[in-house]
Amino acid sequence: MADQEKIFADGFLFKRNEKAPDFVVGRLSIKVEDAIAFMRQHEKNGWINLGVKTARSGNFYIDLDTFEAKNDSSPKESAVDKYEAKAKPPPSVPQMNGDMANQFNEAQEEEDDDLPF
């Protein structure tokens, strides 16, 4: 993935309080005027995607997620299709009748006799 210039989200600030309970991830503060201007500038189809990341300094920052999926004309298998394919039971194996079972066992014994050890 090529390094793109980071676009920091104006008007958004994320802080983690280390004294907060474990279920509290952090606090998001939004400066309304700056955030609205930023969102209007970067929205696509009424949405923007932001990422909360950790800087090398250990501080958090919020940037614009500019990822766009490649436009591939081939149909994709949905997650539901993948799940259903995995959830299908294996095809059933027909039961062998007595003659078939005897022939199979004899064939296995012949193969075992051909082994050099």
PDB file of N, CA and C in Angstrom:
ATOM      1  N   MET A   1       0.839  -1.166   0.000  1.00  0.00           N
ATOM      2  CA  MET A   1       0.000   0.000   0.000  1.00  0.00           C
ATOM      3  C   MET A   1       0.884   1.228   0.000  1.00  0.00           C
ATOM      4  N   ALA A   2       0.636   2.136  -0.893  1.00  0.00           N
ATOM      5  CA  ALA A   2       1.442   3.335  -1.010  1.00  0.00           C
ATOM      6  C   ALA A   2       1.173   4.261   0.170  1.00  0.00           C
ATOM      7  N   ASP A   3       2.231   4.912   0.636  1.00  0.00           N
ATOM      8  CA  ASP A   3       2.056   5.865   1.722  1.00  0.00           C
ATOM      9  C   ASP A   3       1.387   7.110   1.177  1.00  0.00           C
ATOM     10  N   GLN A   4       0.188   7.388   1.678  1.00  0.00           N
ATOM     11  CA  GLN A   4      -0.506   8.598   1.313  1.00  0.00           C
ATOM     12  C   GLN A   4      -0.306   9.601   2.430  1.00  0.00           C
ATOM     13  N   GLU A   5      -0.402  10.855   2.061  1.00  0.00           N
ATOM     14  CA  GLU A   5      -0.293  11.893   3.070  1.00  0.00           C
ATOM     15  C   GLU A   5      -1.498  11.801   3.993  1.00  0.00           C
ATOM     16  N   LYS A   6      -1.246  11.813   5.282  1.00  0.00           N
ATOM     17  CA  LYS A   6      -2.337  11.731   6.248  1.00  0.00           C
ATOM     18  C   LYS A   6      -3.148  13.021   6.203  1.00  0.00           C
ATOM     19  N   ILE A   7      -4.443  12.863   6.298  1.00  0.00           N
ATOM     20  CA  ILE A   7      -5.343  14.007   6.390  1.00  0.00           C
ATOM     21  C   ILE A   7      -5.938  13.962   7.791  1.00  0.00           C
ATOM     22  N   PHE A   8      -5.426  14.822   8.653  1.00  0.00           N
ATOM     23  CA  PHE A   8      -5.900  14.840  10.030  1.00  0.00           C
ATOM     24  C   PHE A   8      -7.296  15.442  10.068  1.00  0.00           C
ATOM     25  N   ALA A   9      -8.158  14.874  10.884  1.00  0.00           N
ATOM     26  CA  ALA A   9      -9.552  15.304  10.968  1.00  0.00           C
ATOM     27  C   ALA A   9      -9.652  16.555  11.827  1.00  0.00           C
ATOM     28  N   ASP A  10      -9.876  17.688  11.183  1.00  0.00           N
ATOM     29  CA  ASP A  10     -10.022  18.955  11.900  1.00  0.00           C
ATOM     30  C   ASP A  10     -11.271  18.929  12.763  1.00  0.00           C
ATOM     31  N   GLY A  11     -11.146  19.391  13.983  1.00  0.00           N
ATOM     32  CA  GLY A  11     -12.291  19.515  14.874  1.00  0.00           C
ATOM     33  C   GLY A  11     -12.567  18.284  15.708  1.00  0.00           C
ATOM     34  N   PHE A  12     -11.769  17.226  15.558  1.00  0.00           N
ATOM     35  CA  PHE A  12     -11.980  15.995  16.311  1.00  0.00           C
ATOM     36  C   PHE A  12     -10.770  15.731  17.201  1.00  0.00           C
ATOM     37  N   LEU A  13     -11.037  15.355  18.446  1.00  0.00           N
ATOM     38  CA  LEU A  13      -9.967  15.067  19.392  1.00  0.00           C
ATOM     39  C   LEU A  13     -10.360  13.834  20.200  1.00  0.00           C
ATOM     40  N   PHE A  14      -9.456  12.862  20.290  1.00  0.00           N
ATOM     41  CA  PHE A  14      -9.707  11.639  21.053  1.00  0.00           C
ATOM     42  C   PHE A  14      -8.682  11.550  22.164  1.00  0.00           C
ATOM     43  N   LYS A  15      -9.156  11.275  23.377  1.00  0.00           N
ATOM     44  CA  LYS A  15      -8.253  11.106  24.519  1.00  0.00           C
ATOM     45  C   LYS A  15      -8.652   9.866  25.298  1.00  0.00           C
ATOM     46  N   ARG A  16      -7.659   9.183  25.802  1.00  0.00           N
ATOM     47  CA  ARG A  16      -7.847   8.008  26.654  1.00  0.00           C
ATOM     48  C   ARG A  16      -7.484   8.413  28.067  1.00  0.00           C
ATOM     49  N   ASN A  17      -8.353   8.101  29.015  1.00  0.00           N
ATOM     50  CA  ASN A  17      -8.089   8.359  30.419  1.00  0.00           C
ATOM     51  C   ASN A  17      -7.642   7.044  31.038  1.00  0.00           C
ATOM     52  N   GLU A  18      -6.391   6.943  31.398  1.00  0.00           N
ATOM     53  CA  GLU A  18      -5.841   5.696  31.936  1.00  0.00           C
ATOM     54  C   GLU A  18      -6.480   5.308  33.272  1.00  0.00           C
ATOM     55  N   LYS A  19      -7.098   6.274  33.965  1.00  0.00           N
ATOM     56  CA  LYS A  19      -7.740   5.979  35.245  1.00  0.00           C
ATOM     57  C   LYS A  19      -9.179   5.505  35.064  1.00  0.00           C
ATOM     58  N   ALA A  20      -9.687   5.566  33.844  1.00  0.00           N
ATOM     59  CA  ALA A  20     -11.068   5.155  33.576  1.00  0.00           C
ATOM     60  C   ALA A  20     -11.180   3.637  33.644  1.00  0.00           C
ATOM     61  N   PRO A  21     -12.382   3.133  33.901  1.00  0.00           N
ATOM     62  CA  PRO A  21     -12.567   1.670  33.917  1.00  0.00           C
ATOM     63  C   PRO A  21     -12.251   1.069  32.546  1.00  0.00           C
ATOM     64  N   ASP A  22     -12.009  -0.236  32.510  1.00  0.00           N
ATOM     65  CA  ASP A  22     -11.614  -0.914  31.273  1.00  0.00           C
ATOM     66  C   ASP A  22     -12.637  -0.776  30.160  1.00  0.00           C
ATOM     67  N   PHE A  23     -13.924  -0.691  30.499  1.00  0.00           N
ATOM     68  CA  PHE A  23     -14.937  -0.626  29.451  1.00  0.00           C
ATOM     69  C   PHE A  23     -14.997   0.745  28.782  1.00  0.00           C
ATOM     70  N   VAL A  24     -14.329   1.755  29.339  1.00  0.00           N
ATOM     71  CA  VAL A  24     -14.294   3.081  28.728  1.00  0.00           C
ATOM     72  C   VAL A  24     -13.060   3.139  27.829  1.00  0.00           C
ATOM     73  N   VAL A  25     -13.293   3.265  26.522  1.00  0.00           N
ATOM     74  CA  VAL A  25     -12.186   3.310  25.571  1.00  0.00           C
ATOM     75  C   VAL A  25     -11.538   4.681  25.575  1.00  0.00           C
ATOM     76  N   GLY A  26     -12.327   5.722  25.569  1.00  0.00           N
ATOM     77  CA  GLY A  26     -11.792   7.068  25.561  1.00  0.00           C
ATOM     78  C   GLY A  26     -12.897   8.084  25.384  1.00  0.00           C
ATOM     79  N   ARG A  27     -12.496   9.330  25.178  1.00  0.00           N
ATOM     80  CA  ARG A  27     -13.440  10.430  25.020  1.00  0.00           C
ATOM     81  C   ARG A  27     -13.166  11.115  23.687  1.00  0.00           C
ATOM     82  N   LEU A  28     -14.231  11.356  22.951  1.00  0.00           N
ATOM     83  CA  LEU A  28     -14.157  12.056  21.679  1.00  0.00           C
ATOM     84  C   LEU A  28     -14.738  13.441  21.873  1.00  0.00           C
ATOM     85  N   SER A  29     -13.918  14.457  21.600  1.00  0.00           N
ATOM     86  CA  SER A  29     -14.382  15.839  21.666  1.00  0.00           C
ATOM     87  C   SER A  29     -14.460  16.372  20.246  1.00  0.00           C
ATOM     88  N   ILE A  30     -15.530  17.120  19.973  1.00  0.00           N
ATOM     89  CA  ILE A  30     -15.739  17.630  18.617  1.00  0.00           C
ATOM     90  C   ILE A  30     -15.951  19.135  18.682  1.00  0.00           C
ATOM     91  N   LYS A  31     -15.098  19.864  17.975  1.00  0.00           N
ATOM     92  CA  LYS A  31     -15.273  21.309  17.831  1.00  0.00           C
ATOM     93  C   LYS A  31     -16.185  21.496  16.625  1.00  0.00           C
ATOM     94  N   VAL A  32     -17.420  21.835  16.866  1.00  0.00           N
ATOM     95  CA  VAL A  32     -18.486  21.782  15.880  1.00  0.00           C
ATOM     96  C   VAL A  32     -18.145  22.518  14.587  1.00  0.00           C
ATOM     97  N   GLU A  33     -17.747  23.784  14.675  1.00  0.00           N
ATOM     98  CA  GLU A  33     -17.465  24.565  13.461  1.00  0.00           C
ATOM     99  C   GLU A  33     -16.391  23.915  12.595  1.00  0.00           C
ATOM    100  N   ASP A  34     -15.277  23.526  13.208  1.00  0.00           N
ATOM    101  CA  ASP A  34     -14.174  22.911  12.463  1.00  0.00           C
ATOM    102  C   ASP A  34     -14.573  21.542  11.910  1.00  0.00           C
ATOM    103  N   ALA A  35     -15.289  20.770  12.724  1.00  0.00           N
ATOM    104  CA  ALA A  35     -15.687  19.427  12.302  1.00  0.00           C
ATOM    105  C   ALA A  35     -16.667  19.484  11.132  1.00  0.00           C
ATOM    106  N   ILE A  36     -17.636  20.394  11.187  1.00  0.00           N
ATOM    107  CA  ILE A  36     -18.603  20.510  10.092  1.00  0.00           C
ATOM    108  C   ILE A  36     -17.907  20.920   8.805  1.00  0.00           C
ATOM    109  N   ALA A  37     -16.990  21.866   8.882  1.00  0.00           N
ATOM    110  CA  ALA A  37     -16.257  22.296   7.689  1.00  0.00           C
ATOM    111  C   ALA A  37     -15.442  21.134   7.118  1.00  0.00           C
ATOM    112  N   PHE A  38     -14.787  20.380   7.988  1.00  0.00           N
ATOM    113  CA  PHE A  38     -13.989  19.235   7.559  1.00  0.00           C
ATOM    114  C   PHE A  38     -14.876  18.190   6.902  1.00  0.00           C
ATOM    115  N   MET A  39     -16.007  17.883   7.518  1.00  0.00           N
ATOM    116  CA  MET A  39     -16.903  16.855   6.981  1.00  0.00           C
ATOM    117  C   MET A  39     -17.475  17.282   5.632  1.00  0.00           C
ATOM    118  N   ARG A  40     -17.841  18.539   5.498  1.00  0.00           N
ATOM    119  CA  ARG A  40     -18.368  19.015   4.213  1.00  0.00           C
ATOM    120  C   ARG A  40     -17.318  18.918   3.119  1.00  0.00           C
ATOM    121  N   GLN A  41     -16.082  19.169   3.469  1.00  0.00           N
ATOM    122  CA  GLN A  41     -14.992  19.133   2.481  1.00  0.00           C
ATOM    123  C   GLN A  41     -14.688  17.709   2.020  1.00  0.00           C
ATOM    124  N   HIS A  42     -14.822  16.726   2.908  1.00  0.00           N
ATOM    125  CA  HIS A  42     -14.358  15.370   2.606  1.00  0.00           C
ATOM    126  C   HIS A  42     -15.457  14.318   2.466  1.00  0.00           C
ATOM    127  N   GLU A  43     -16.729  14.696   2.563  1.00  0.00           N
ATOM    128  CA  GLU A  43     -17.806  13.704   2.506  1.00  0.00           C
ATOM    129  C   GLU A  43     -17.926  13.095   1.115  1.00  0.00           C
ATOM    130  N   LYS A  44     -18.317  11.813   1.106  1.00  0.00           N
ATOM    131  CA  LYS A  44     -18.620  11.092  -0.137  1.00  0.00           C
ATOM    132  C   LYS A  44     -19.932  10.369   0.087  1.00  0.00           C
ATOM    133  N   ASN A  45     -20.911  10.722  -0.716  1.00  0.00           N
ATOM    134  CA  ASN A  45     -22.260  10.145  -0.591  1.00  0.00           C
ATOM    135  C   ASN A  45     -22.842  10.353   0.805  1.00  0.00           C
ATOM    136  N   GLY A  46     -22.501  11.478   1.416  1.00  0.00           N
ATOM    137  CA  GLY A  46     -23.049  11.798   2.730  1.00  0.00           C
ATOM    138  C   GLY A  46     -22.289  11.216   3.904  1.00  0.00           C
ATOM    139  N   TRP A  47     -21.150  10.555   3.663  1.00  0.00           N
ATOM    140  CA  TRP A  47     -20.391   9.885   4.721  1.00  0.00           C
ATOM    141  C   TRP A  47     -18.929  10.301   4.690  1.00  0.00           C
ATOM    142  N   ILE A  48     -18.292  10.223   5.851  1.00  0.00           N
ATOM    143  CA  ILE A  48     -16.833  10.249   5.944  1.00  0.00           C
ATOM    144  C   ILE A  48     -16.438   9.117   6.876  1.00  0.00           C
ATOM    145  N   ASN A  49     -15.250   8.580   6.674  1.00  0.00           N
ATOM    146  CA  ASN A  49     -14.731   7.528   7.548  1.00  0.00           C
ATOM    147  C   ASN A  49     -13.482   8.063   8.228  1.00  0.00           C
ATOM    148  N   LEU A  50     -13.444   7.918   9.524  1.00  0.00           N
ATOM    149  CA  LEU A  50     -12.315   8.395  10.314  1.00  0.00           C
ATOM    150  C   LEU A  50     -11.669   7.224  11.039  1.00  0.00           C
ATOM    151  N   GLY A  51     -10.377   7.310  11.248  1.00  0.00           N
ATOM    152  CA  GLY A  51      -9.656   6.301  12.009  1.00  0.00           C
ATOM    153  C   GLY A  51      -9.055   6.913  13.255  1.00  0.00           C
ATOM    154  N   VAL A  52      -9.128   6.203  14.366  1.00  0.00           N
ATOM    155  CA  VAL A  52      -8.464   6.624  15.597  1.00  0.00           C
ATOM    156  C   VAL A  52      -7.191   5.802  15.685  1.00  0.00           C
ATOM    157  N   LYS A  53      -6.060   6.483  15.716  1.00  0.00           N
ATOM    158  CA  LYS A  53      -4.760   5.791  15.674  1.00  0.00           C
ATOM    159  C   LYS A  53      -3.839   6.302  16.771  1.00  0.00           C
ATOM    160  N   THR A  54      -2.770   5.558  16.986  1.00  0.00           N
ATOM    161  CA  THR A  54      -1.778   5.942  17.979  1.00  0.00           C
ATOM    162  C   THR A  54      -0.535   6.431  17.262  1.00  0.00           C
ATOM    163  N   ALA A  55      -0.077   7.624  17.608  1.00  0.00           N
ATOM    164  CA  ALA A  55       1.148   8.194  17.037  1.00  0.00           C
ATOM    165  C   ALA A  55       2.360   7.529  17.683  1.00  0.00           C
ATOM    166  N   ARG A  56       3.503   7.709  17.081  1.00  0.00           N
ATOM    167  CA  ARG A  56       4.742   7.154  17.652  1.00  0.00           C
ATOM    168  C   ARG A  56       4.977   7.681  19.061  1.00  0.00           C
ATOM    169  N   SER A  57       4.485   8.902  19.314  1.00  0.00           N
ATOM    170  CA  SER A  57       4.647   9.516  20.641  1.00  0.00           C
ATOM    171  C   SER A  57       3.764   8.851  21.690  1.00  0.00           C
ATOM    172  N   GLY A  58       2.799   8.031  21.239  1.00  0.00           N
ATOM    173  CA  GLY A  58       1.873   7.391  22.160  1.00  0.00           C
ATOM    174  C   GLY A  58       0.547   8.121  22.262  1.00  0.00           C
ATOM    175  N   ASN A  59       0.480   9.337  21.707  1.00  0.00           N
ATOM    176  CA  ASN A  59      -0.775  10.090  21.714  1.00  0.00           C
ATOM    177  C   ASN A  59      -1.694   9.575  20.611  1.00  0.00           C
ATOM    178  N   PHE A  60      -2.985   9.793  20.792  1.00  0.00           N
ATOM    179  CA  PHE A  60      -3.959   9.387  19.792  1.00  0.00           C
ATOM    180  C   PHE A  60      -4.199  10.526  18.810  1.00  0.00           C
ATOM    181  N   TYR A  61      -4.571  10.153  17.600  1.00  0.00           N
ATOM    182  CA  TYR A  61      -4.995  11.162  16.624  1.00  0.00           C
ATOM    183  C   TYR A  61      -6.083  10.558  15.752  1.00  0.00           C
ATOM    184  N   ILE A  62      -6.812  11.431  15.094  1.00  0.00           N
ATOM    185  CA  ILE A  62      -7.902  11.010  14.218  1.00  0.00           C
ATOM    186  C   ILE A  62      -7.581  11.496  12.819  1.00  0.00           C
ATOM    187  N   ASP A  63      -7.645  10.558  11.862  1.00  0.00           N
ATOM    188  CA  ASP A  63      -7.395  10.954  10.478  1.00  0.00           C
ATOM    189  C   ASP A  63      -8.499  10.442   9.571  1.00  0.00           C
ATOM    190  N   LEU A  64      -8.525  10.990   8.379  1.00  0.00           N
ATOM    191  CA  LEU A  64      -9.511  10.617   7.381  1.00  0.00           C
ATOM    192  C   LEU A  64      -9.115   9.286   6.773  1.00  0.00           C
ATOM    193  N   ASP A  65     -10.039   8.346   6.747  1.00  0.00           N
ATOM    194  CA  ASP A  65      -9.807   7.047   6.109  1.00  0.00           C
ATOM    195  C   ASP A  65     -10.154   7.219   4.639  1.00  0.00           C
ATOM    196  N   THR A  66      -9.142   7.189   3.789  1.00  0.00           N
ATOM    197  CA  THR A  66      -9.341   7.434   2.357  1.00  0.00           C
ATOM    198  C   THR A  66      -9.413   6.145   1.549  1.00  0.00           C
ATOM    199  N   PHE A  67      -9.490   5.004   2.212  1.00  0.00           N
ATOM    200  CA  PHE A  67      -9.527   3.719   1.507  1.00  0.00           C
ATOM    201  C   PHE A  67     -10.775   3.634   0.632  1.00  0.00           C
ATOM    202  N   GLU A  68     -10.559   3.211  -0.606  1.00  0.00           N
ATOM    203  CA  GLU A  68     -11.669   2.943  -1.514  1.00  0.00           C
ATOM    204  C   GLU A  68     -11.414   1.599  -2.159  1.00  0.00           C
ATOM    205  N   ALA A  69     -12.415   0.733  -2.125  1.00  0.00           N
ATOM    206  CA  ALA A  69     -12.283  -0.585  -2.737  1.00  0.00           C
ATOM    207  C   ALA A  69     -12.138  -0.429  -4.235  1.00  0.00           C
ATOM    208  N   LYS A  70     -11.320  -1.285  -4.833  1.00  0.00           N
ATOM    209  CA  LYS A  70     -11.153  -1.257  -6.279  1.00  0.00           C
ATOM    210  C   LYS A  70     -12.467  -1.640  -6.938  1.00  0.00           C
ATOM    211  N   ASN A  71     -12.770  -1.003  -8.037  1.00  0.00           N
ATOM    212  CA  ASN A  71     -13.997  -1.290  -8.763  1.00  0.00           C
ATOM    213  C   ASN A  71     -13.770  -2.505  -9.630  1.00  0.00           C
ATOM    214  N   ASP A  72     -14.163  -3.662  -9.144  1.00  0.00           N
ATOM    215  CA  ASP A  72     -13.973  -4.926  -9.851  1.00  0.00           C
ATOM    216  C   ASP A  72     -15.308  -5.354 -10.419  1.00  0.00           C
ATOM    217  N   SER A  73     -15.361  -5.622 -11.707  1.00  0.00           N
ATOM    218  CA  SER A  73     -16.626  -5.959 -12.350  1.00  0.00           C
ATOM    219  C   SER A  73     -17.051  -7.403 -12.087  1.00  0.00           C
ATOM    220  N   SER A  74     -16.138  -8.234 -11.578  1.00  0.00           N
ATOM    221  CA  SER A  74     -16.507  -9.624 -11.325  1.00  0.00           C
ATOM    222  C   SER A  74     -17.364  -9.710 -10.061  1.00  0.00           C
ATOM    223  N   PRO A  75     -18.380 -10.570 -10.074  1.00  0.00           N
ATOM    224  CA  PRO A  75     -19.244 -10.669  -8.891  1.00  0.00           C
ATOM    225  C   PRO A  75     -18.475 -11.257  -7.717  1.00  0.00           C
ATOM    226  N   LYS A  76     -18.732 -10.725  -6.560  1.00  0.00           N
ATOM    227  CA  LYS A  76     -18.068 -11.197  -5.345  1.00  0.00           C
ATOM    228  C   LYS A  76     -18.996 -12.139  -4.595  1.00  0.00           C
ATOM    229  N   GLU A  77     -18.396 -13.102  -3.925  1.00  0.00           N
ATOM    230  CA  GLU A  77     -19.168 -14.011  -3.091  1.00  0.00           C
ATOM    231  C   GLU A  77     -19.442 -13.299  -1.767  1.00  0.00           C
ATOM    232  N   SER A  78     -20.700 -13.225  -1.388  1.00  0.00           N
ATOM    233  CA  SER A  78     -21.052 -12.528  -0.158  1.00  0.00           C
ATOM    234  C   SER A  78     -20.628 -13.352   1.055  1.00  0.00           C
ATOM    235  N   ALA A  79     -20.570 -12.691   2.191  1.00  0.00           N
ATOM    236  CA  ALA A  79     -20.214 -13.372   3.434  1.00  0.00           C
ATOM    237  C   ALA A  79     -21.235 -14.463   3.755  1.00  0.00           C
ATOM    238  N   VAL A  80     -22.501 -14.205   3.433  1.00  0.00           N
ATOM    239  CA  VAL A  80     -23.549 -15.207   3.677  1.00  0.00           C
ATOM    240  C   VAL A  80     -23.295 -16.442   2.813  1.00  0.00           C
ATOM    241  N   ASP A  81     -22.948 -16.220   1.538  1.00  0.00           N
ATOM    242  CA  ASP A  81     -22.661 -17.347   0.654  1.00  0.00           C
ATOM    243  C   ASP A  81     -21.483 -18.169   1.174  1.00  0.00           C
ATOM    244  N   LYS A  82     -20.438 -17.486   1.634  1.00  0.00           N
ATOM    245  CA  LYS A  82     -19.266 -18.190   2.161  1.00  0.00           C
ATOM    246  C   LYS A  82     -19.643 -19.012   3.396  1.00  0.00           C
ATOM    247  N   TYR A  83     -20.463 -18.421   4.272  1.00  0.00           N
ATOM    248  CA  TYR A  83     -20.868 -19.124   5.484  1.00  0.00           C
ATOM    249  C   TYR A  83     -21.698 -20.356   5.136  1.00  0.00           C
ATOM    250  N   GLU A  84     -22.654 -20.170   4.227  1.00  0.00           N
ATOM    251  CA  GLU A  84     -23.515 -21.287   3.863  1.00  0.00           C
ATOM    252  C   GLU A  84     -22.724 -22.407   3.202  1.00  0.00           C
ATOM    253  N   ALA A  85     -21.714 -22.050   2.407  1.00  0.00           N
ATOM    254  CA  ALA A  85     -20.885 -23.073   1.760  1.00  0.00           C
ATOM    255  C   ALA A  85     -20.119 -23.883   2.805  1.00  0.00           C
ATOM    256  N   LYS A  86     -19.638 -23.209   3.857  1.00  0.00           N
ATOM    257  CA  LYS A  86     -18.903 -23.911   4.913  1.00  0.00           C
ATOM    258  C   LYS A  86     -19.832 -24.733   5.786  1.00  0.00           C
ATOM    259  N   ALA A  87     -21.076 -24.279   5.939  1.00  0.00           N
ATOM    260  CA  ALA A  87     -22.010 -24.930   6.848  1.00  0.00           C
ATOM    261  C   ALA A  87     -22.661 -26.164   6.243  1.00  0.00           C
ATOM    262  N   LYS A  88     -22.534 -26.364   4.933  1.00  0.00           N
ATOM    263  CA  LYS A  88     -23.163 -27.521   4.301  1.00  0.00           C
ATOM    264  C   LYS A  88     -22.505 -28.799   4.794  1.00  0.00           C
ATOM    265  N   PRO A  89     -23.322 -29.813   5.114  1.00  0.00           N
ATOM    266  CA  PRO A  89     -22.724 -31.084   5.541  1.00  0.00           C
ATOM    267  C   PRO A  89     -22.058 -31.764   4.350  1.00  0.00           C
ATOM    268  N   PRO A  90     -21.058 -32.587   4.603  1.00  0.00           N
ATOM    269  CA  PRO A  90     -20.399 -33.279   3.494  1.00  0.00           C
ATOM    270  C   PRO A  90     -21.388 -34.215   2.814  1.00  0.00           C
ATOM    271  N   PRO A  91     -21.168 -34.477   1.536  1.00  0.00           N
ATOM    272  CA  PRO A  91     -22.094 -35.374   0.848  1.00  0.00           C
ATOM    273  C   PRO A  91     -22.084 -36.740   1.525  1.00  0.00           C
ATOM    274  N   SER A  92     -23.260 -37.359   1.583  1.00  0.00           N
ATOM    275  CA  SER A  92     -23.341 -38.649   2.263  1.00  0.00           C
ATOM    276  C   SER A  92     -22.745 -39.745   1.386  1.00  0.00           C
ATOM    277  N   VAL A  93     -22.134 -40.701   2.028  1.00  0.00           N
ATOM    278  CA  VAL A  93     -21.532 -41.832   1.333  1.00  0.00           C
ATOM    279  C   VAL A  93     -22.530 -42.981   1.398  1.00  0.00           C
ATOM    280  N   PRO A  94     -22.872 -43.558   0.246  1.00  0.00           N
ATOM    281  CA  PRO A  94     -23.845 -44.653   0.290  1.00  0.00           C
ATOM    282  C   PRO A  94     -23.249 -45.846   1.046  1.00  0.00           C
ATOM    283  N   GLN A  95     -24.131 -46.544   1.739  1.00  0.00           N
ATOM    284  CA  GLN A  95     -23.696 -47.714   2.493  1.00  0.00           C
ATOM    285  C   GLN A  95     -23.400 -48.863   1.532  1.00  0.00           C
ATOM    286  N   MET A  96     -22.366 -49.610   1.817  1.00  0.00           N
ATOM    287  CA  MET A  96     -22.014 -50.755   0.972  1.00  0.00           C
ATOM    288  C   MET A  96     -22.841 -51.964   1.398  1.00  0.00           C
ATOM    289  N   ASN A  97     -23.330 -52.671   0.398  1.00  0.00           N
ATOM    290  CA  ASN A  97     -24.005 -53.929   0.744  1.00  0.00           C
ATOM    291  C   ASN A  97     -22.933 -54.983   1.010  1.00  0.00           C
ATOM    292  N   GLY A  98     -23.308 -56.163   1.402  1.00  0.00           N
ATOM    293  CA  GLY A  98     -22.361 -57.203   1.794  1.00  0.00           C
ATOM    294  C   GLY A  98     -21.345 -57.538   0.728  1.00  0.00           C
ATOM    295  N   ASP A  99     -21.773 -57.715  -0.545  1.00  0.00           N
ATOM    296  CA  ASP A  99     -20.846 -58.068  -1.626  1.00  0.00           C
ATOM    297  C   ASP A  99     -19.844 -56.951  -1.878  1.00  0.00           C
ATOM    298  N   MET A 100     -20.334 -55.732  -1.880  1.00  0.00           N
ATOM    299  CA  MET A 100     -19.435 -54.593  -2.137  1.00  0.00           C
ATOM    300  C   MET A 100     -18.392 -54.483  -1.034  1.00  0.00           C
ATOM    301  N   ALA A 101     -18.813 -54.676   0.207  1.00  0.00           N
ATOM    302  CA  ALA A 101     -17.895 -54.577   1.331  1.00  0.00           C
ATOM    303  C   ALA A 101     -16.831 -55.661   1.236  1.00  0.00           C
ATOM    304  N   ASN A 102     -17.219 -56.888   0.864  1.00  0.00           N
ATOM    305  CA  ASN A 102     -16.248 -57.980   0.722  1.00  0.00           C
ATOM    306  C   ASN A 102     -15.238 -57.671  -0.374  1.00  0.00           C
ATOM    307  N   GLN A 103     -15.716 -57.154  -1.515  1.00  0.00           N
ATOM    308  CA  GLN A 103     -14.812 -56.812  -2.618  1.00  0.00           C
ATOM    309  C   GLN A 103     -13.832 -55.720  -2.193  1.00  0.00           C
ATOM    310  N   PHE A 104     -14.326 -54.734  -1.456  1.00  0.00           N
ATOM    311  CA  PHE A 104     -13.470 -53.649  -0.984  1.00  0.00           C
ATOM    312  C   PHE A 104     -12.398 -54.187  -0.047  1.00  0.00           C
ATOM    313  N   ASN A 105     -12.804 -55.030   0.890  1.00  0.00           N
ATOM    314  CA  ASN A 105     -11.850 -55.589   1.853  1.00  0.00           C
ATOM    315  C   ASN A 105     -10.807 -56.452   1.146  1.00  0.00           C
ATOM    316  N   GLU A 106     -11.223 -57.237   0.135  1.00  0.00           N
ATOM    317  CA  GLU A 106     -10.277 -58.067  -0.606  1.00  0.00           C
ATOM    318  C   GLU A 106      -9.281 -57.193  -1.364  1.00  0.00           C
ATOM    319  N   ALA A 107      -9.766 -56.110  -1.958  1.00  0.00           N
ATOM    320  CA  ALA A 107      -8.882 -55.201  -2.688  1.00  0.00           C
ATOM    321  C   ALA A 107      -7.869 -54.567  -1.741  1.00  0.00           C
ATOM    322  N   GLN A 108      -8.307 -54.205  -0.533  1.00  0.00           N
ATOM    323  CA  GLN A 108      -7.404 -53.616   0.450  1.00  0.00           C
ATOM    324  C   GLN A 108      -6.337 -54.622   0.861  1.00  0.00           C
ATOM    325  N   GLU A 109      -6.734 -55.885   1.043  1.00  0.00           N
ATOM    326  CA  GLU A 109      -5.777 -56.916   1.449  1.00  0.00           C
ATOM    327  C   GLU A 109      -4.746 -57.143   0.355  1.00  0.00           C
ATOM    328  N   GLU A 110      -5.181 -57.134  -0.926  1.00  0.00           N
ATOM    329  CA  GLU A 110      -4.249 -57.312  -2.038  1.00  0.00           C
ATOM    330  C   GLU A 110      -3.231 -56.181  -2.083  1.00  0.00           C
ATOM    331  N   GLU A 111      -3.692 -54.947  -1.843  1.00  0.00           N
ATOM    332  CA  GLU A 111      -2.793 -53.806  -1.836  1.00  0.00           C
ATOM    333  C   GLU A 111      -1.776 -53.943  -0.712  1.00  0.00           C
ATOM    334  N   ASP A 112      -2.228 -54.411   0.451  1.00  0.00           N
ATOM    335  CA  ASP A 112      -1.339 -54.576   1.591  1.00  0.00           C
ATOM    336  C   ASP A 112      -0.269 -55.639   1.305  1.00  0.00           C
ATOM    337  N   ASP A 113      -0.614 -56.677   0.532  1.00  0.00           N
ATOM    338  CA  ASP A 113       0.349 -57.748   0.215  1.00  0.00           C
ATOM    339  C   ASP A 113       1.439 -57.263  -0.713  1.00  0.00           C
ATOM    340  N   ASP A 114       1.189 -56.221  -1.511  1.00  0.00           N
ATOM    341  CA  ASP A 114       2.173 -55.721  -2.463  1.00  0.00           C
ATOM    342  C   ASP A 114       3.216 -54.817  -1.827  1.00  0.00           C
ATOM    343  N   LEU A 115       3.054 -54.506  -0.580  1.00  0.00           N
ATOM    344  CA  LEU A 115       4.006 -53.598   0.070  1.00  0.00           C
ATOM    345  C   LEU A 115       5.337 -54.302   0.279  1.00  0.00           C
ATOM    346  N   PRO A 116       6.455 -53.605   0.024  1.00  0.00           N
ATOM    347  CA  PRO A 116       7.763 -54.230   0.138  1.00  0.00           C
ATOM    348  C   PRO A 116       8.246 -54.365   1.585  1.00  0.00           C
ATOM    349  N   PHE A 117       7.509 -53.959   2.537  1.00  0.00           N
ATOM    350  CA  PHE A 117       7.963 -54.073   3.936  1.00  0.00           C
ATOM    351  C   PHE A 117       6.916 -54.657   4.819  1.00  0.00           C
TER     352      PHE A 117
END
